[in-house]
């Protein structure tokens, strides 16, 4: 069974490789995509250990698993840059997301827009 954990907080500013390690005996157990979205430039910069197809599959599945009941229309703090890190632990099918979006609806819209840029 796939589990989801969501954390609305400022993601770490160090590169993801300082936060996520792989189990040496099991191979690539934990994968990530770390993205910054610049609102004014409408541009993404990302770091990952996945292929573009792997990112599409992982982020797409993460979005499919979201519960619309979690969405709200609260006003979020507008930022020039949003930071989202999605990690996938393949040992137990656990998805974790840290972000500074303030709202899961905004987070998911940014993730969806990120997926669309991968198609370009």
N, C-alpha and C. Protein backbone atom coordinates (compact mmCIF):
# COMPACT_ATOMS: atom_id res chain seq x y z
N UNK A 1 0.84 -1.19 0.00
CA UNK A 1 0.00 0.00 0.00
C UNK A 1 0.88 1.24 0.00
N UNK A 2 0.50 2.22 -0.78
CA UNK A 2 1.26 3.45 -0.89
C UNK A 2 0.83 4.39 0.22
N UNK A 3 1.81 5.02 0.89
CA UNK A 3 1.47 5.99 1.92
C UNK A 3 2.01 7.36 1.51
N UNK A 4 1.34 8.40 2.00
CA UNK A 4 1.66 9.78 1.65
C UNK A 4 1.91 10.55 2.94
N UNK A 5 2.97 11.34 2.95
CA UNK A 5 3.22 12.27 4.05
C UNK A 5 3.44 13.64 3.44
N UNK A 6 2.83 14.65 4.02
CA UNK A 6 2.94 16.00 3.49
C UNK A 6 3.39 16.91 4.62
N UNK A 7 4.32 17.80 4.31
CA UNK A 7 4.83 18.71 5.32
C UNK A 7 4.88 20.10 4.73
N UNK A 8 4.06 21.00 5.27
CA UNK A 8 4.09 22.39 4.83
C UNK A 8 5.09 23.10 5.72
N UNK A 9 6.28 23.26 5.18
CA UNK A 9 7.35 23.93 5.88
C UNK A 9 8.37 24.36 4.86
N UNK A 10 9.29 25.17 5.29
CA UNK A 10 10.36 25.57 4.40
C UNK A 10 11.26 24.36 4.19
N UNK A 11 11.40 23.90 2.94
CA UNK A 11 12.29 22.77 2.70
C UNK A 11 13.73 23.14 3.03
N UNK A 12 14.58 22.14 3.24
CA UNK A 12 15.98 22.42 3.53
C UNK A 12 16.63 23.16 2.36
N UNK A 13 17.60 23.99 2.67
CA UNK A 13 18.25 24.74 1.59
C UNK A 13 19.48 24.03 1.05
N UNK A 14 19.95 23.02 1.75
CA UNK A 14 21.08 22.23 1.25
C UNK A 14 20.61 21.33 0.13
N UNK A 15 21.52 20.91 -0.75
CA UNK A 15 21.12 20.00 -1.82
C UNK A 15 20.52 18.71 -1.25
N UNK A 16 19.58 18.10 -1.95
CA UNK A 16 18.91 16.91 -1.43
C UNK A 16 19.85 15.78 -1.07
N UNK A 17 20.97 15.65 -1.78
CA UNK A 17 21.86 14.55 -1.47
C UNK A 17 22.38 14.62 -0.03
N UNK A 18 22.30 15.77 0.61
CA UNK A 18 22.69 15.89 2.00
C UNK A 18 21.59 15.41 2.95
N UNK A 19 20.39 15.18 2.42
CA UNK A 19 19.26 14.82 3.26
C UNK A 19 18.76 13.40 3.02
N UNK A 20 19.00 12.87 1.84
CA UNK A 20 18.46 11.57 1.49
C UNK A 20 19.60 10.65 1.10
N UNK A 21 19.62 9.48 1.71
CA UNK A 21 20.68 8.53 1.40
C UNK A 21 20.06 7.26 0.87
N UNK A 22 20.84 6.51 0.15
CA UNK A 22 20.34 5.24 -0.34
C UNK A 22 20.93 4.11 0.49
N UNK A 23 20.19 3.08 0.67
CA UNK A 23 20.64 1.90 1.39
C UNK A 23 21.65 1.18 0.49
N UNK A 24 22.89 1.07 0.95
CA UNK A 24 23.95 0.52 0.10
C UNK A 24 23.66 -0.90 -0.36
N UNK A 25 22.98 -1.69 0.45
CA UNK A 25 22.70 -3.07 0.07
C UNK A 25 21.54 -3.19 -0.90
N UNK A 26 20.60 -2.26 -0.85
CA UNK A 26 19.39 -2.37 -1.64
C UNK A 26 19.41 -1.54 -2.92
N UNK A 27 20.40 -0.67 -3.11
CA UNK A 27 20.44 0.16 -4.32
C UNK A 27 19.70 1.46 -4.12
N UNK A 28 19.03 1.94 -5.18
CA UNK A 28 18.36 3.24 -5.11
C UNK A 28 16.99 3.10 -4.46
N UNK A 29 16.99 3.09 -3.15
CA UNK A 29 15.74 2.92 -2.41
C UNK A 29 14.96 4.22 -2.30
N UNK A 30 15.68 5.32 -2.19
CA UNK A 30 15.01 6.61 -2.02
C UNK A 30 15.40 7.51 -3.19
N UNK A 31 14.38 7.97 -3.90
CA UNK A 31 14.60 8.87 -5.03
C UNK A 31 13.94 10.21 -4.71
N UNK A 32 14.36 11.26 -5.40
CA UNK A 32 13.81 12.58 -5.10
C UNK A 32 13.75 13.44 -6.34
N UNK A 33 12.91 14.44 -6.27
CA UNK A 33 12.96 15.57 -7.19
C UNK A 33 12.79 16.82 -6.33
N UNK A 34 13.74 17.73 -6.46
CA UNK A 34 13.80 18.97 -5.69
C UNK A 34 13.65 20.10 -6.68
N UNK A 35 12.58 20.88 -6.56
CA UNK A 35 12.33 21.92 -7.56
C UNK A 35 12.09 23.29 -6.93
N UNK A 36 12.54 24.28 -7.65
CA UNK A 36 12.26 25.68 -7.33
C UNK A 36 11.46 26.24 -8.49
N UNK A 37 10.37 26.92 -8.16
CA UNK A 37 9.54 27.54 -9.18
C UNK A 37 9.58 29.04 -8.99
N UNK A 38 10.06 29.76 -10.00
CA UNK A 38 10.13 31.21 -9.98
C UNK A 38 8.84 31.75 -10.58
N UNK A 39 8.03 32.39 -9.74
CA UNK A 39 6.72 32.89 -10.19
C UNK A 39 6.85 33.97 -11.26
N UNK A 40 7.77 34.89 -11.07
CA UNK A 40 7.87 36.00 -12.02
C UNK A 40 8.37 35.54 -13.38
N UNK A 41 9.33 34.63 -13.39
CA UNK A 41 9.89 34.13 -14.65
C UNK A 41 9.09 32.95 -15.21
N UNK A 42 8.19 32.40 -14.40
CA UNK A 42 7.42 31.21 -14.78
C UNK A 42 8.38 30.11 -15.24
N UNK A 43 9.36 29.81 -14.36
CA UNK A 43 10.45 28.92 -14.73
C UNK A 43 10.78 27.97 -13.57
N UNK A 44 11.10 26.73 -13.93
CA UNK A 44 11.50 25.74 -12.95
C UNK A 44 12.99 25.46 -13.05
N UNK A 45 13.60 25.23 -11.89
CA UNK A 45 14.95 24.69 -11.81
C UNK A 45 14.82 23.49 -10.90
N UNK A 46 15.36 22.34 -11.33
CA UNK A 46 15.20 21.15 -10.49
C UNK A 46 16.47 20.30 -10.46
N UNK A 47 16.57 19.53 -9.38
CA UNK A 47 17.62 18.54 -9.18
C UNK A 47 16.92 17.24 -8.90
N UNK A 48 17.43 16.16 -9.47
CA UNK A 48 16.78 14.87 -9.25
C UNK A 48 17.78 13.75 -9.48
N UNK A 49 17.42 12.57 -9.03
CA UNK A 49 18.19 11.37 -9.36
C UNK A 49 17.34 10.43 -10.21
N UNK A 50 16.30 10.99 -10.85
CA UNK A 50 15.40 10.22 -11.71
C UNK A 50 15.53 10.68 -13.15
N UNK A 51 15.13 9.83 -14.07
CA UNK A 51 15.04 10.20 -15.48
C UNK A 51 13.80 11.08 -15.66
N UNK A 52 13.68 11.80 -16.78
CA UNK A 52 12.46 12.57 -17.02
C UNK A 52 11.20 11.69 -16.96
N UNK A 53 11.27 10.49 -17.53
CA UNK A 53 10.12 9.57 -17.48
C UNK A 53 9.83 9.15 -16.05
N UNK A 54 10.87 8.94 -15.25
CA UNK A 54 10.68 8.58 -13.84
C UNK A 54 10.04 9.71 -13.06
N UNK A 55 10.46 10.96 -13.36
CA UNK A 55 9.84 12.11 -12.69
C UNK A 55 8.38 12.21 -13.06
N UNK A 56 8.06 12.03 -14.34
CA UNK A 56 6.66 12.11 -14.76
C UNK A 56 5.83 11.06 -14.04
N UNK A 57 6.34 9.85 -13.97
CA UNK A 57 5.60 8.77 -13.31
C UNK A 57 5.44 9.04 -11.82
N UNK A 58 6.54 9.42 -11.15
CA UNK A 58 6.49 9.61 -9.70
C UNK A 58 5.63 10.80 -9.29
N UNK A 59 5.84 11.94 -9.93
CA UNK A 59 5.06 13.14 -9.57
C UNK A 59 3.61 12.96 -10.00
N UNK A 60 3.39 12.33 -11.16
CA UNK A 60 2.02 12.07 -11.61
C UNK A 60 1.27 11.17 -10.65
N UNK A 61 1.92 10.11 -10.18
CA UNK A 61 1.28 9.22 -9.21
C UNK A 61 1.03 9.94 -7.90
N UNK A 62 1.99 10.75 -7.46
CA UNK A 62 1.80 11.52 -6.23
C UNK A 62 0.55 12.39 -6.35
N UNK A 63 0.39 13.07 -7.48
CA UNK A 63 -0.79 13.92 -7.67
C UNK A 63 -2.08 13.11 -7.70
N UNK A 64 -2.05 11.94 -8.33
CA UNK A 64 -3.25 11.08 -8.37
C UNK A 64 -3.69 10.64 -6.98
N UNK A 65 -2.74 10.50 -6.08
CA UNK A 65 -3.04 9.99 -4.74
C UNK A 65 -3.54 11.07 -3.78
N UNK A 66 -3.55 12.31 -4.22
CA UNK A 66 -3.98 13.40 -3.33
C UNK A 66 -5.49 13.36 -3.11
N UNK A 67 -5.90 13.75 -1.92
CA UNK A 67 -7.31 13.78 -1.55
C UNK A 67 -7.84 15.20 -1.73
N UNK A 68 -8.81 15.41 -2.64
CA UNK A 68 -9.34 16.76 -2.85
C UNK A 68 -9.92 17.40 -1.59
N UNK A 69 -10.27 16.60 -0.59
CA UNK A 69 -10.79 17.16 0.66
C UNK A 69 -9.73 18.01 1.36
N UNK A 70 -8.46 17.79 1.04
CA UNK A 70 -7.39 18.54 1.68
C UNK A 70 -7.23 19.95 1.11
N UNK A 71 -7.86 20.21 -0.03
CA UNK A 71 -7.73 21.51 -0.68
C UNK A 71 -8.57 22.55 0.06
N UNK A 72 -8.09 23.77 0.06
CA UNK A 72 -8.86 24.86 0.63
C UNK A 72 -8.57 26.11 -0.17
N UNK A 73 -9.34 27.12 0.07
CA UNK A 73 -9.19 28.37 -0.65
C UNK A 73 -8.55 29.46 0.21
N UNK A 74 -7.80 29.03 1.22
CA UNK A 74 -7.22 30.05 2.08
C UNK A 74 -6.19 30.86 1.31
N UNK A 75 -6.03 32.08 1.73
CA UNK A 75 -5.02 32.92 1.10
C UNK A 75 -3.65 32.44 1.56
N UNK A 76 -2.76 32.30 0.61
CA UNK A 76 -1.42 31.86 0.94
C UNK A 76 -0.47 33.03 0.81
N UNK A 77 0.62 32.94 1.53
CA UNK A 77 1.63 33.98 1.43
C UNK A 77 2.24 33.93 0.03
N UNK A 78 2.14 35.02 -0.68
CA UNK A 78 2.70 35.05 -2.03
C UNK A 78 4.22 35.15 -1.93
N UNK A 79 4.87 34.33 -2.72
CA UNK A 79 6.32 34.31 -2.75
C UNK A 79 6.80 34.51 -4.18
N UNK A 80 8.02 34.93 -4.31
CA UNK A 80 8.61 35.00 -5.64
C UNK A 80 9.05 33.61 -6.09
N UNK A 81 9.38 32.76 -5.12
CA UNK A 81 9.90 31.44 -5.45
C UNK A 81 9.28 30.41 -4.50
N UNK A 82 8.83 29.31 -5.06
CA UNK A 82 8.28 28.20 -4.28
C UNK A 82 9.23 27.01 -4.40
N UNK A 83 9.42 26.32 -3.29
CA UNK A 83 10.36 25.20 -3.20
C UNK A 83 9.58 23.95 -2.82
N UNK A 84 9.70 22.90 -3.63
CA UNK A 84 9.00 21.64 -3.38
C UNK A 84 9.99 20.49 -3.53
N UNK A 85 9.98 19.59 -2.55
CA UNK A 85 10.79 18.37 -2.63
C UNK A 85 9.86 17.18 -2.47
N UNK A 86 9.85 16.30 -3.47
CA UNK A 86 9.08 15.06 -3.41
C UNK A 86 10.08 13.92 -3.32
N UNK A 87 9.93 13.06 -2.30
CA UNK A 87 10.79 11.88 -2.19
C UNK A 87 9.93 10.63 -2.26
N UNK A 88 10.52 9.59 -2.81
CA UNK A 88 9.84 8.30 -2.92
C UNK A 88 10.74 7.25 -2.29
N UNK A 89 10.22 6.57 -1.27
CA UNK A 89 10.96 5.48 -0.64
C UNK A 89 10.42 4.18 -1.24
N UNK A 90 11.19 3.56 -2.11
CA UNK A 90 10.74 2.37 -2.82
C UNK A 90 10.65 1.12 -1.93
N UNK A 91 11.26 1.18 -0.76
CA UNK A 91 11.20 0.02 0.14
C UNK A 91 9.80 -0.19 0.68
N UNK A 92 9.06 0.91 0.89
CA UNK A 92 7.72 0.79 1.46
C UNK A 92 6.68 1.63 0.72
N UNK A 93 6.99 2.04 -0.52
CA UNK A 93 6.07 2.84 -1.33
C UNK A 93 5.57 4.07 -0.58
N UNK A 94 6.48 4.79 0.05
CA UNK A 94 6.10 5.98 0.80
C UNK A 94 6.53 7.23 0.04
N UNK A 95 5.58 8.13 -0.18
CA UNK A 95 5.83 9.41 -0.82
C UNK A 95 5.83 10.49 0.25
N UNK A 96 6.84 11.34 0.23
CA UNK A 96 6.93 12.44 1.17
C UNK A 96 7.11 13.73 0.38
N UNK A 97 6.43 14.77 0.79
CA UNK A 97 6.55 16.06 0.11
C UNK A 97 6.74 17.16 1.15
N UNK A 98 7.80 17.93 0.98
CA UNK A 98 8.02 19.14 1.78
C UNK A 98 7.89 20.32 0.83
N UNK A 99 7.22 21.37 1.28
CA UNK A 99 7.04 22.54 0.42
C UNK A 99 6.77 23.77 1.25
N UNK A 100 6.94 24.91 0.62
CA UNK A 100 6.66 26.18 1.29
C UNK A 100 5.48 26.90 0.64
N UNK A 101 4.60 26.14 0.00
CA UNK A 101 3.48 26.73 -0.73
C UNK A 101 2.38 27.25 0.20
N UNK A 102 2.29 26.70 1.40
CA UNK A 102 1.27 27.13 2.35
C UNK A 102 -0.08 26.49 2.12
N UNK A 103 -0.28 25.84 0.99
CA UNK A 103 -1.58 25.26 0.64
C UNK A 103 -1.32 24.11 -0.32
N UNK A 104 -1.98 22.98 -0.09
CA UNK A 104 -1.75 21.82 -0.96
C UNK A 104 -2.31 22.03 -2.36
N UNK A 105 -3.34 22.85 -2.50
CA UNK A 105 -3.88 23.13 -3.82
C UNK A 105 -2.87 23.88 -4.68
N UNK A 106 -2.21 24.87 -4.10
CA UNK A 106 -1.17 25.60 -4.82
C UNK A 106 -0.01 24.67 -5.13
N UNK A 107 0.38 23.86 -4.15
CA UNK A 107 1.47 22.89 -4.37
C UNK A 107 1.15 21.99 -5.57
N UNK A 108 -0.07 21.47 -5.62
CA UNK A 108 -0.43 20.55 -6.68
C UNK A 108 -0.51 21.24 -8.04
N UNK A 109 -0.95 22.50 -8.07
CA UNK A 109 -0.96 23.24 -9.33
C UNK A 109 0.46 23.45 -9.84
N UNK A 110 1.38 23.75 -8.93
CA UNK A 110 2.78 23.92 -9.32
C UNK A 110 3.36 22.59 -9.81
N UNK A 111 3.05 21.50 -9.12
CA UNK A 111 3.54 20.18 -9.55
C UNK A 111 2.98 19.82 -10.92
N UNK A 112 1.71 20.12 -11.16
CA UNK A 112 1.11 19.84 -12.46
C UNK A 112 1.78 20.66 -13.56
N UNK A 113 2.05 21.91 -13.27
CA UNK A 113 2.74 22.75 -14.24
C UNK A 113 4.15 22.22 -14.50
N UNK A 114 4.81 21.71 -13.45
CA UNK A 114 6.14 21.10 -13.61
C UNK A 114 6.07 19.91 -14.56
N UNK A 115 5.04 19.07 -14.39
CA UNK A 115 4.87 17.92 -15.29
C UNK A 115 4.72 18.37 -16.74
N UNK A 116 3.99 19.45 -16.94
CA UNK A 116 3.76 19.92 -18.31
C UNK A 116 5.08 20.42 -18.92
N UNK A 117 5.99 20.97 -18.11
CA UNK A 117 7.28 21.43 -18.65
C UNK A 117 8.15 20.25 -19.05
N UNK A 118 7.95 19.08 -18.45
CA UNK A 118 8.74 17.91 -18.80
C UNK A 118 8.37 17.40 -20.19
N UNK A 119 7.16 17.70 -20.63
CA UNK A 119 6.71 17.27 -21.97
C UNK A 119 7.30 18.12 -23.08
N UNK A 120 7.81 19.30 -22.73
CA UNK A 120 8.31 20.24 -23.75
C UNK A 120 9.66 19.80 -24.27
